[in-house]
Amino acid sequence: MENNSLFTEFAERFSSASLTSLVESFNAQVGNRGWSSARSAHDQALMEELVKRGVDVSAVYDGQSISFAHTVVIKDNRLTAAE
């Protein structure tokens, strides 16, 4: 499967997911050091869906790279490090 079709598949799945589910998807990647085209498509689709919903992702995403250093919670429509 091509990276573009993987992205589309993830984007469709995330578009119907709850915000809680999106945060859980993000947190599932924390500590995962593996890398593949599938993960890249997943992560990009996830960030794009969060941004599309108006969530401030600046604590973990600068538009080019994503930090999975810490689990996050959504507070005041912003991703923040979990306490």
Protein backbone atom coordinates (compact mmCIF):
# COMPACT_ATOMS: atom_id res chain seq x y z
CA MET A 1 0.00 0.00 0.00
CA GLU A 2 1.34 3.40 -0.96
CA ASN A 3 2.01 6.09 1.68
CA ASN A 4 -0.65 8.38 0.15
CA SER A 5 -3.36 5.74 0.41
CA LEU A 6 -2.26 4.97 3.99
CA PHE A 7 -2.60 8.66 4.80
CA THR A 8 -6.08 8.71 3.29
CA GLU A 9 -7.08 5.63 5.27
CA PHE A 10 -5.87 7.15 8.54
CA ALA A 11 -7.42 10.55 7.73
CA GLU A 12 -10.82 8.93 7.14
CA ARG A 13 -10.58 6.97 10.39
CA PHE A 14 -9.55 10.03 12.39
CA SER A 15 -12.26 12.24 10.87
CA SER A 16 -14.94 10.15 12.58
CA ALA A 17 -13.04 9.56 15.83
CA SER A 18 -13.80 11.35 19.07
CA LEU A 19 -11.34 13.89 20.44
CA THR A 20 -10.63 11.50 23.30
CA SER A 21 -9.80 8.78 20.80
CA LEU A 22 -7.42 11.09 18.94
CA VAL A 23 -5.58 11.89 22.16
CA GLU A 24 -5.39 8.17 22.94
CA SER A 25 -3.94 7.56 19.46
CA PHE A 26 -1.30 10.20 20.13
CA ASN A 27 -0.44 8.78 23.54
CA ALA A 28 -0.10 5.28 22.09
CA GLN A 29 2.88 6.56 20.09
CA VAL A 30 4.75 7.97 23.11
CA GLY A 31 7.99 6.07 23.58
CA ASN A 32 7.66 4.29 20.24
CA ARG A 33 10.99 4.71 18.47
CA GLY A 34 10.08 2.60 15.45
CA TRP A 35 9.66 4.34 12.14
CA SER A 36 7.95 3.38 8.90
CA SER A 37 5.95 4.95 6.12
CA ALA A 38 2.78 3.72 7.83
CA ARG A 39 3.70 5.49 11.06
CA SER A 40 4.54 8.64 9.15
CA ALA A 41 1.12 8.58 7.45
CA HIS A 42 -0.60 7.88 10.79
CA ASP A 43 1.16 10.70 12.61
CA GLN A 44 0.60 13.26 9.85
CA ALA A 45 -3.09 12.38 9.52
CA LEU A 46 -3.49 12.58 13.30
CA MET A 47 -1.92 16.04 13.53
CA GLU A 48 -3.91 17.32 10.57
CA GLU A 49 -7.18 16.14 12.13
CA LEU A 50 -6.37 17.77 15.46
CA VAL A 51 -5.49 21.05 13.73
CA LYS A 52 -8.64 20.80 11.58
CA ARG A 53 -10.68 20.60 14.78
CA GLY A 54 -9.05 23.75 16.09
CA VAL A 55 -6.88 22.06 18.72
CA ASP A 56 -3.69 23.92 19.62
CA VAL A 57 -0.98 21.32 19.02
CA SER A 58 1.99 23.69 19.35
CA ALA A 59 3.26 21.87 22.45
CA VAL A 60 4.01 18.78 20.33
CA TYR A 61 3.98 19.86 16.67
CA ASP A 62 5.72 22.72 14.89
CA GLY A 63 4.29 22.03 11.45
CA GLN A 64 7.17 19.75 10.48
CA SER A 65 8.12 17.52 13.37
CA ILE A 66 6.10 15.88 16.11
CA SER A 67 7.36 15.21 19.63
CA PHE A 68 6.15 12.02 21.26
CA ALA A 69 8.29 12.63 24.36
CA HIS A 70 5.35 12.85 26.78
CA THR A 71 1.75 11.75 27.01
CA VAL A 72 -0.74 14.56 26.55
CA VAL A 73 -4.18 15.60 27.67
CA ILE A 74 -6.51 18.08 26.05
CA LYS A 75 -7.24 21.09 28.20
CA ASP A 76 -8.96 24.26 26.97
CA ASN A 77 -8.74 22.92 23.40
CA ARG A 78 -4.95 22.62 23.70
CA LEU A 79 -2.70 19.58 23.92
CA THR A 80 -0.59 19.79 27.06
CA ALA A 81 1.74 17.40 28.84
CA ALA A 82 -0.13 15.03 31.13
CA GLU A 83 0.49 15.69 34.80
